[in-house]
Amino acid sequence: MKKLKNESALLKKALQIGESYAQNRGYHAFSATDSAKQKIECIYRLLVQDKLIAPLPQDKEDQPGMKHRLAMWIANKLPADHPLLK
């Protein structure tokens, strides 16, 4: 798995977009006590269920893989001239 440039910033952006996507899909808002791990897994599973991202193989389904997959998802959705992609 090749590390993306600005992967942590892309993941943060993916969580913001993913949270609003989840709320638009009818998911109740995340609470302040939800950990980042819970948010990452929930958003990842929602996007896989909606077929917006390809699922990881079951033996490779871990937090770093989910983070990377979310960062890749948002990197493909951002315009080419976005500052996070430079």
N, C-alpha and C. Protein backbone atom coordinates (compact mmCIF):
# COMPACT_ATOMS: atom_id res chain seq x y z
N MET A 1 0.85 -1.16 0.00
CA MET A 1 0.00 0.00 0.00
C MET A 1 0.90 1.23 0.00
N LYS A 2 0.80 2.01 -1.05
CA LYS A 2 1.63 3.21 -1.22
C LYS A 2 1.02 4.37 -0.43
N LYS A 3 1.83 4.98 0.40
CA LYS A 3 1.37 6.11 1.21
C LYS A 3 1.13 7.32 0.31
N LEU A 4 0.01 7.98 0.52
CA LEU A 4 -0.33 9.18 -0.24
C LEU A 4 0.33 10.40 0.40
N LYS A 5 0.59 11.38 -0.43
CA LYS A 5 1.07 12.65 0.08
C LYS A 5 -0.10 13.30 0.81
N ASN A 6 0.13 13.85 1.99
CA ASN A 6 -0.91 14.49 2.81
C ASN A 6 -2.01 13.51 3.21
N GLU A 7 -1.65 12.23 3.44
CA GLU A 7 -2.68 11.23 3.74
C GLU A 7 -3.47 11.56 5.00
N SER A 8 -2.83 12.08 6.03
CA SER A 8 -3.55 12.39 7.26
C SER A 8 -4.55 13.54 7.04
N ALA A 9 -4.17 14.53 6.26
CA ALA A 9 -5.08 15.64 5.95
C ALA A 9 -6.23 15.16 5.06
N LEU A 10 -5.91 14.26 4.12
CA LEU A 10 -6.96 13.69 3.27
C LEU A 10 -7.94 12.86 4.09
N LEU A 11 -7.42 12.12 5.07
CA LEU A 11 -8.29 11.32 5.93
C LEU A 11 -9.21 12.23 6.74
N LYS A 12 -8.68 13.33 7.24
CA LYS A 12 -9.49 14.28 8.00
C LYS A 12 -10.62 14.83 7.13
N LYS A 13 -10.30 15.17 5.89
CA LYS A 13 -11.30 15.67 4.95
C LYS A 13 -12.33 14.58 4.63
N ALA A 14 -11.86 13.34 4.47
CA ALA A 14 -12.75 12.22 4.19
C ALA A 14 -13.73 11.99 5.34
N LEU A 15 -13.25 12.17 6.57
CA LEU A 15 -14.14 12.00 7.72
C LEU A 15 -15.20 13.09 7.76
N GLN A 16 -14.82 14.32 7.41
CA GLN A 16 -15.79 15.42 7.37
C GLN A 16 -16.86 15.14 6.32
N ILE A 17 -16.43 14.80 5.11
CA ILE A 17 -17.36 14.53 4.02
C ILE A 17 -18.18 13.28 4.33
N GLY A 18 -17.51 12.27 4.86
CA GLY A 18 -18.19 11.01 5.20
C GLY A 18 -19.25 11.19 6.26
N GLU A 19 -18.98 12.03 7.25
CA GLU A 19 -19.99 12.30 8.29
C GLU A 19 -21.23 12.95 7.71
N SER A 20 -21.03 13.94 6.86
CA SER A 20 -22.19 14.61 6.26
C SER A 20 -22.93 13.65 5.32
N TYR A 21 -22.19 12.79 4.61
CA TYR A 21 -22.83 11.79 3.74
C TYR A 21 -23.68 10.82 4.58
N ALA A 22 -23.13 10.39 5.72
CA ALA A 22 -23.85 9.46 6.59
C ALA A 22 -25.13 10.11 7.12
N GLN A 23 -25.05 11.36 7.50
CA GLN A 23 -26.23 12.06 8.01
C GLN A 23 -27.28 12.22 6.92
N ASN A 24 -26.86 12.50 5.69
CA ASN A 24 -27.80 12.61 4.58
C ASN A 24 -28.46 11.27 4.26
N ARG A 25 -27.77 10.17 4.59
CA ARG A 25 -28.32 8.84 4.36
C ARG A 25 -29.23 8.39 5.49
N GLY A 26 -29.36 9.23 6.54
CA GLY A 26 -30.27 8.91 7.64
C GLY A 26 -29.58 8.42 8.89
N TYR A 27 -28.27 8.33 8.88
CA TYR A 27 -27.54 7.91 10.08
C TYR A 27 -27.57 9.05 11.08
N HIS A 28 -27.80 8.72 12.35
CA HIS A 28 -27.81 9.79 13.35
C HIS A 28 -26.41 10.39 13.46
N ALA A 29 -26.33 11.58 13.92
CA ALA A 29 -25.04 12.28 14.00
C ALA A 29 -24.10 11.54 14.94
N PHE A 30 -22.81 11.61 14.64
CA PHE A 30 -21.82 11.03 15.54
C PHE A 30 -21.78 11.85 16.81
N SER A 31 -21.62 11.19 17.93
CA SER A 31 -21.55 11.93 19.19
C SER A 31 -20.10 12.33 19.46
N ALA A 32 -19.94 13.22 20.39
CA ALA A 32 -18.60 13.71 20.73
C ALA A 32 -17.77 12.62 21.38
N THR A 33 -18.42 11.59 21.91
CA THR A 33 -17.69 10.52 22.58
C THR A 33 -17.26 9.41 21.63
N ASP A 34 -17.71 9.46 20.38
CA ASP A 34 -17.29 8.45 19.40
C ASP A 34 -15.81 8.65 19.07
N SER A 35 -15.06 7.58 19.09
CA SER A 35 -13.64 7.68 18.77
C SER A 35 -13.43 7.77 17.27
N ALA A 36 -12.25 8.19 16.89
CA ALA A 36 -11.91 8.29 15.46
C ALA A 36 -11.96 6.91 14.82
N LYS A 37 -11.55 5.88 15.55
CA LYS A 37 -11.60 4.51 15.02
C LYS A 37 -13.02 4.10 14.68
N GLN A 38 -13.96 4.45 15.55
CA GLN A 38 -15.36 4.11 15.31
C GLN A 38 -15.89 4.85 14.09
N LYS A 39 -15.55 6.12 13.97
CA LYS A 39 -16.00 6.91 12.83
C LYS A 39 -15.44 6.36 11.53
N ILE A 40 -14.14 6.03 11.54
CA ILE A 40 -13.49 5.50 10.34
C ILE A 40 -14.17 4.21 9.90
N GLU A 41 -14.39 3.30 10.84
CA GLU A 41 -15.00 2.01 10.50
C GLU A 41 -16.43 2.18 10.02
N CYS A 42 -17.19 3.04 10.66
CA CYS A 42 -18.58 3.26 10.28
C CYS A 42 -18.68 3.86 8.88
N ILE A 43 -17.89 4.88 8.61
CA ILE A 43 -17.92 5.53 7.29
C ILE A 43 -17.42 4.57 6.22
N TYR A 44 -16.36 3.83 6.53
CA TYR A 44 -15.85 2.85 5.57
C TYR A 44 -16.93 1.83 5.22
N ARG A 45 -17.58 1.27 6.22
CA ARG A 45 -18.60 0.24 5.97
C ARG A 45 -19.81 0.81 5.21
N LEU A 46 -20.18 2.05 5.49
CA LEU A 46 -21.28 2.68 4.77
C LEU A 46 -20.92 2.87 3.30
N LEU A 47 -19.72 3.34 3.03
CA LEU A 47 -19.29 3.56 1.64
C LEU A 47 -19.16 2.24 0.88
N VAL A 48 -18.72 1.18 1.57
CA VAL A 48 -18.64 -0.13 0.94
C VAL A 48 -20.05 -0.64 0.63
N GLN A 49 -20.96 -0.48 1.59
CA GLN A 49 -22.34 -0.92 1.40
C GLN A 49 -23.00 -0.21 0.23
N ASP A 50 -22.71 1.09 0.08
CA ASP A 50 -23.29 1.87 -1.02
C ASP A 50 -22.50 1.72 -2.32
N LYS A 51 -21.46 0.89 -2.28
CA LYS A 51 -20.63 0.60 -3.45
C LYS A 51 -19.92 1.84 -4.00
N LEU A 52 -19.52 2.73 -3.09
CA LEU A 52 -18.76 3.91 -3.49
C LEU A 52 -17.26 3.64 -3.42
N ILE A 53 -16.87 2.65 -2.62
CA ILE A 53 -15.48 2.21 -2.59
C ILE A 53 -15.47 0.69 -2.60
N ALA A 54 -14.38 0.14 -3.09
CA ALA A 54 -14.24 -1.32 -3.12
C ALA A 54 -13.82 -1.80 -1.73
N PRO A 55 -14.38 -2.91 -1.28
CA PRO A 55 -14.01 -3.41 0.05
C PRO A 55 -12.60 -3.99 0.06
N LEU A 56 -11.99 -3.93 1.21
CA LEU A 56 -10.70 -4.57 1.42
C LEU A 56 -10.93 -6.08 1.56
N PRO A 57 -9.95 -6.89 1.22
CA PRO A 57 -10.09 -8.32 1.50
C PRO A 57 -10.26 -8.53 3.00
N GLN A 58 -11.04 -9.52 3.41
CA GLN A 58 -11.35 -9.68 4.83
C GLN A 58 -10.12 -9.88 5.71
N ASP A 59 -9.10 -10.54 5.19
CA ASP A 59 -7.90 -10.74 6.01
C ASP A 59 -7.05 -9.48 6.11
N LYS A 60 -7.31 -8.47 5.30
CA LYS A 60 -6.56 -7.21 5.33
C LYS A 60 -7.41 -6.05 5.85
N GLU A 61 -8.58 -6.35 6.38
CA GLU A 61 -9.48 -5.30 6.85
C GLU A 61 -9.06 -4.86 8.25
N ASP A 62 -8.23 -3.81 8.30
CA ASP A 62 -7.75 -3.27 9.55
C ASP A 62 -7.80 -1.74 9.50
N GLN A 63 -7.48 -1.09 10.59
CA GLN A 63 -7.58 0.37 10.65
C GLN A 63 -6.68 1.08 9.63
N PRO A 64 -5.41 0.70 9.49
CA PRO A 64 -4.58 1.38 8.48
C PRO A 64 -5.13 1.21 7.07
N GLY A 65 -5.65 0.04 6.76
CA GLY A 65 -6.23 -0.19 5.44
C GLY A 65 -7.47 0.64 5.20
N MET A 66 -8.33 0.73 6.23
CA MET A 66 -9.55 1.54 6.11
C MET A 66 -9.20 3.01 5.96
N LYS A 67 -8.22 3.48 6.72
CA LYS A 67 -7.79 4.87 6.63
C LYS A 67 -7.28 5.18 5.22
N HIS A 68 -6.46 4.28 4.70
CA HIS A 68 -5.90 4.48 3.37
C HIS A 68 -7.00 4.47 2.32
N ARG A 69 -7.95 3.56 2.45
CA ARG A 69 -9.03 3.48 1.47
C ARG A 69 -9.88 4.74 1.49
N LEU A 70 -10.15 5.30 2.68
CA LEU A 70 -10.91 6.55 2.77
C LEU A 70 -10.12 7.72 2.19
N ALA A 71 -8.82 7.75 2.44
CA ALA A 71 -7.98 8.82 1.88
C ALA A 71 -7.96 8.73 0.35
N MET A 72 -7.89 7.52 -0.18
CA MET A 72 -7.91 7.34 -1.64
C MET A 72 -9.26 7.78 -2.21
N TRP A 73 -10.34 7.46 -1.51
CA TRP A 73 -11.69 7.82 -1.96
C TRP A 73 -11.81 9.33 -2.09
N ILE A 74 -11.39 10.06 -1.07
CA ILE A 74 -11.55 11.51 -1.11
C ILE A 74 -10.56 12.13 -2.10
N ALA A 75 -9.39 11.55 -2.25
CA ALA A 75 -8.42 12.08 -3.22
C ALA A 75 -8.98 11.98 -4.63
N ASN A 76 -9.75 10.94 -4.92
CA ASN A 76 -10.34 10.79 -6.25
C ASN A 76 -11.55 11.71 -6.45
N LYS A 77 -12.16 12.16 -5.36
CA LYS A 77 -13.33 13.04 -5.46
C LYS A 77 -12.98 14.51 -5.51
N LEU A 78 -11.81 14.88 -5.02
CA LEU A 78 -11.42 16.30 -5.01
C LEU A 78 -10.99 16.75 -6.40
N PRO A 79 -11.19 18.04 -6.71
CA PRO A 79 -10.71 18.54 -8.00
C PRO A 79 -9.19 18.47 -8.08
N ALA A 80 -8.66 18.38 -9.27
CA ALA A 80 -7.21 18.19 -9.46
C ALA A 80 -6.37 19.33 -8.89
N ASP A 81 -6.93 20.53 -8.82
CA ASP A 81 -6.15 21.67 -8.32
C ASP A 81 -6.35 21.93 -6.82
N HIS A 82 -6.95 20.99 -6.10
CA HIS A 82 -7.17 21.15 -4.66
C HIS A 82 -5.83 21.14 -3.93
N PRO A 83 -5.66 22.02 -2.91
CA PRO A 83 -4.39 22.10 -2.21
C PRO A 83 -3.92 20.81 -1.54
N LEU A 84 -4.85 19.94 -1.13
CA LEU A 84 -4.45 18.70 -0.49
C LEU A 84 -3.79 17.72 -1.45
N LEU A 85 -4.00 17.90 -2.72
CA LEU A 85 -3.43 16.99 -3.72
C LEU A 85 -2.08 17.43 -4.24
N LYS A 86 -1.59 18.56 -3.77
CA LYS A 86 -0.31 19.10 -4.24
C LYS A 86 0.81 18.73 -3.33
